[in-house]
Structure formats: C-alpha cells, structure tokens
Amino acid sequence: MGSLPGLPTRAGRPTERGGGRALLLAAAGILLSPVLLPWGVLGLAVEVAAVVLAVRTLRRAHARGAAAPFALTAAIGGAVAALLFVLALTFVAVFHAEYSDYQSCARRAITGSAAEDCRTEFEHAVRVRVGLR
C-alpha cells in the first residue's frame, strides 16, 4: 500500500493529522476544569472540541486506511474529563447552598484546622441533605 498524497507516512502506513492537536485540547480542558466556574465551563467546551476533533480525525483515518496517532487517547481522555466535569457541576448545582457555605467558611479560615473544620461541616451538611444522618 503506497502513501496517500499529502500525508506523512509512519512505518509504511500513512498517518492522519489532528490527533496531537486533539490531545493538546483535551489536556488544556482538563487543566481548566478544576476551576469549575467560570473557567471550568471553558474547559468543558475545550474538552468537547477535543472529542469532536479526535472523532473526526479517527473517521478520516479509517476512511483512508491511515493511522491516527493520539486521536483515540484524546477522544477517551476528553470524554472522561467532560463527564467528570459535568458530574462535578451537577453536584455543585444540587448542593449549591452547602457548597456556598463551605466556600465562604474556607475563605475565612486562617489555620489548617479551621479549613478542616469547614470541610467536615460541609461533608456533614451534604450527608444530612442526602439523608445519611
């Protein structure tokens, strides 16, 4: 099988470009996601763009019989990161009052033990809300 015009070859097999860019987008989205709001939403959009780019690259590669380095990794990584972000955002939406109280307490905490008390109180409030206590 010869190389297709315009495509670099890798071990005798043509490669489809785009997997590396998709992987970089997925990594950028993962780095932005822990912030939650507002930058986390941008991270989610970047992760979705990474998945779309990776899937398009995989489809083009499959149609041409080419390899798509990093595209599958980017698709899986971006999809998992987007799912985890959506779960975290759902948690924050459901437990908004408790989370808001926790953030306010954590901002006022001066010592490590005070911050630990804030976290313990947050966990207790979530358990009470869910009905575990």
Protein backbone atom coordinates (compact mmCIF):
# COMPACT_ATOMS: atom_id res chain seq x y z
CA MET A 1 0.00 0.00 0.00
CA GLY A 2 1.52 3.31 -1.06
CA SER A 3 1.28 6.56 0.78
CA LEU A 4 -1.58 8.89 0.05
CA PRO A 5 -0.68 12.29 -1.36
CA GLY A 6 -0.07 14.94 1.27
CA LEU A 7 0.04 12.53 4.18
CA PRO A 8 3.24 11.70 6.04
CA THR A 9 3.98 8.00 6.47
CA ARG A 10 4.71 6.14 9.65
CA ALA A 11 6.12 2.62 9.46
CA GLY A 12 4.90 2.31 5.89
CA ARG A 13 1.37 3.42 6.78
CA PRO A 14 0.01 6.92 6.13
CA THR A 15 -0.94 8.99 9.15
CA GLU A 16 -3.82 11.37 9.59
CA ARG A 17 -3.01 14.64 11.31
CA GLY A 18 -5.19 16.04 14.07
CA GLY A 19 -4.73 13.52 16.87
CA GLY A 20 -1.95 15.53 18.50
CA ARG A 21 -4.00 18.73 18.38
CA ALA A 22 -6.98 16.91 19.86
CA LEU A 23 -4.78 15.57 22.67
CA LEU A 24 -3.48 19.07 23.41
CA LEU A 25 -7.05 20.39 23.53
CA ALA A 26 -8.07 17.57 25.89
CA ALA A 27 -5.13 18.36 28.17
CA ALA A 28 -5.97 22.07 28.17
CA GLY A 29 -9.59 21.28 29.01
CA ILE A 30 -8.51 19.06 31.88
CA LEU A 31 -6.28 21.85 33.24
CA LEU A 32 -9.16 24.35 33.11
CA SER A 33 -11.84 22.06 34.57
CA PRO A 34 -10.94 22.08 38.29
CA VAL A 35 -11.74 25.79 38.48
CA LEU A 36 -15.47 24.98 37.91
CA LEU A 37 -16.93 28.42 37.23
CA PRO A 38 -16.35 30.40 35.01
CA TRP A 39 -13.14 28.93 33.53
CA GLY A 40 -14.29 25.35 34.03
CA VAL A 41 -17.11 25.91 31.56
CA LEU A 42 -14.48 26.98 29.03
CA GLY A 43 -12.60 23.80 29.94
CA LEU A 44 -15.73 21.77 29.20
CA ALA A 45 -16.08 23.46 25.80
CA VAL A 46 -12.42 22.73 25.03
CA GLU A 47 -12.90 19.08 26.06
CA VAL A 48 -15.92 18.76 23.79
CA ALA A 49 -13.92 20.33 20.94
CA ALA A 50 -11.11 17.82 21.61
CA VAL A 51 -13.53 14.90 21.38
CA VAL A 52 -15.07 16.24 18.16
CA LEU A 53 -11.64 16.80 16.59
CA ALA A 54 -10.43 13.37 17.69
CA VAL A 55 -13.51 11.59 16.33
CA ARG A 56 -13.28 13.45 13.01
CA THR A 57 -9.59 12.54 12.78
CA LEU A 58 -10.35 8.88 13.53
CA ARG A 59 -13.10 8.78 10.89
CA ARG A 60 -10.86 10.37 8.25
CA ALA A 61 -8.05 7.97 9.11
CA HIS A 62 -10.33 4.96 8.92
CA ALA A 63 -11.74 6.06 5.56
CA ARG A 64 -8.22 6.43 4.14
CA GLY A 65 -6.72 3.39 5.83
CA ALA A 66 -4.35 5.65 7.74
CA ALA A 67 -3.15 5.74 11.33
CA ALA A 68 -4.33 8.50 13.65
CA PRO A 69 -1.74 8.84 16.43
CA PHE A 70 -3.10 10.17 19.74
CA ALA A 71 -6.65 10.58 18.39
CA LEU A 72 -8.13 7.67 20.35
CA THR A 73 -6.36 8.80 23.52
CA ALA A 74 -7.70 12.32 23.03
CA ALA A 75 -11.25 11.09 22.40
CA ILE A 76 -11.28 8.88 25.50
CA GLY A 77 -9.48 11.41 27.73
CA GLY A 78 -11.66 14.31 26.62
CA ALA A 79 -14.88 12.32 27.03
CA VAL A 80 -13.95 11.09 30.52
CA ALA A 81 -12.86 14.58 31.60
CA ALA A 82 -16.06 16.13 30.24
CA LEU A 83 -18.16 13.51 32.04
CA LEU A 84 -16.36 14.12 35.34
CA PHE A 85 -16.76 17.88 34.93
CA VAL A 86 -20.50 17.52 34.26
CA LEU A 87 -20.81 15.32 37.37
CA ALA A 88 -18.94 17.90 39.47
CA LEU A 89 -21.08 20.73 38.09
CA THR A 90 -24.23 18.72 38.83
CA PHE A 91 -23.02 18.16 42.39
CA VAL A 92 -22.41 21.89 42.84
CA ALA A 93 -25.84 22.69 41.39
CA VAL A 94 -27.64 20.22 43.65
CA PHE A 95 -25.71 21.19 46.78
CA HIS A 96 -25.34 24.89 45.96
CA ALA A 97 -26.29 26.19 49.42
CA GLU A 98 -23.94 23.78 51.20
CA TYR A 99 -21.14 24.45 48.72
CA SER A 100 -21.60 28.20 49.03
CA ASP A 101 -21.41 27.96 52.83
CA TYR A 102 -18.28 25.84 52.51
CA GLN A 103 -16.59 28.35 50.18
CA SER A 104 -17.41 31.22 52.49
CA CYS A 105 -16.11 29.28 55.51
CA ALA A 106 -12.93 28.27 53.67
CA ARG A 107 -12.23 31.89 52.69
CA ARG A 108 -12.46 32.94 56.33
CA ALA A 109 -10.33 30.04 57.61
CA ILE A 110 -6.90 31.18 58.70
CA THR A 111 -5.44 27.93 60.03
CA GLY A 112 -5.32 24.43 58.62
CA SER A 113 -7.54 23.15 61.42
CA ALA A 114 -10.16 25.82 60.63
CA ALA A 115 -10.13 24.76 56.97
CA GLU A 116 -10.50 21.14 58.09
CA ASP A 117 -13.48 22.14 60.24
CA CYS A 118 -15.06 23.79 57.17
CA ARG A 119 -14.60 20.59 55.16
CA THR A 120 -16.03 18.46 57.97
CA GLU A 121 -19.06 20.74 58.29
CA PHE A 122 -19.57 20.62 54.51
CA GLU A 123 -19.46 16.82 54.50
CA HIS A 124 -21.94 16.72 57.40
CA ALA A 125 -24.32 19.13 55.63
CA VAL A 126 -24.22 17.03 52.44
CA ARG A 127 -24.88 13.83 54.39
CA VAL A 128 -27.84 15.45 56.16
CA ARG A 129 -29.22 16.70 52.84
CA VAL A 130 -28.92 13.27 51.26
CA GLY A 131 -30.47 11.65 54.33
CA LEU A 132 -27.48 9.63 55.51
CA ARG A 133 -27.62 11.22 59.00
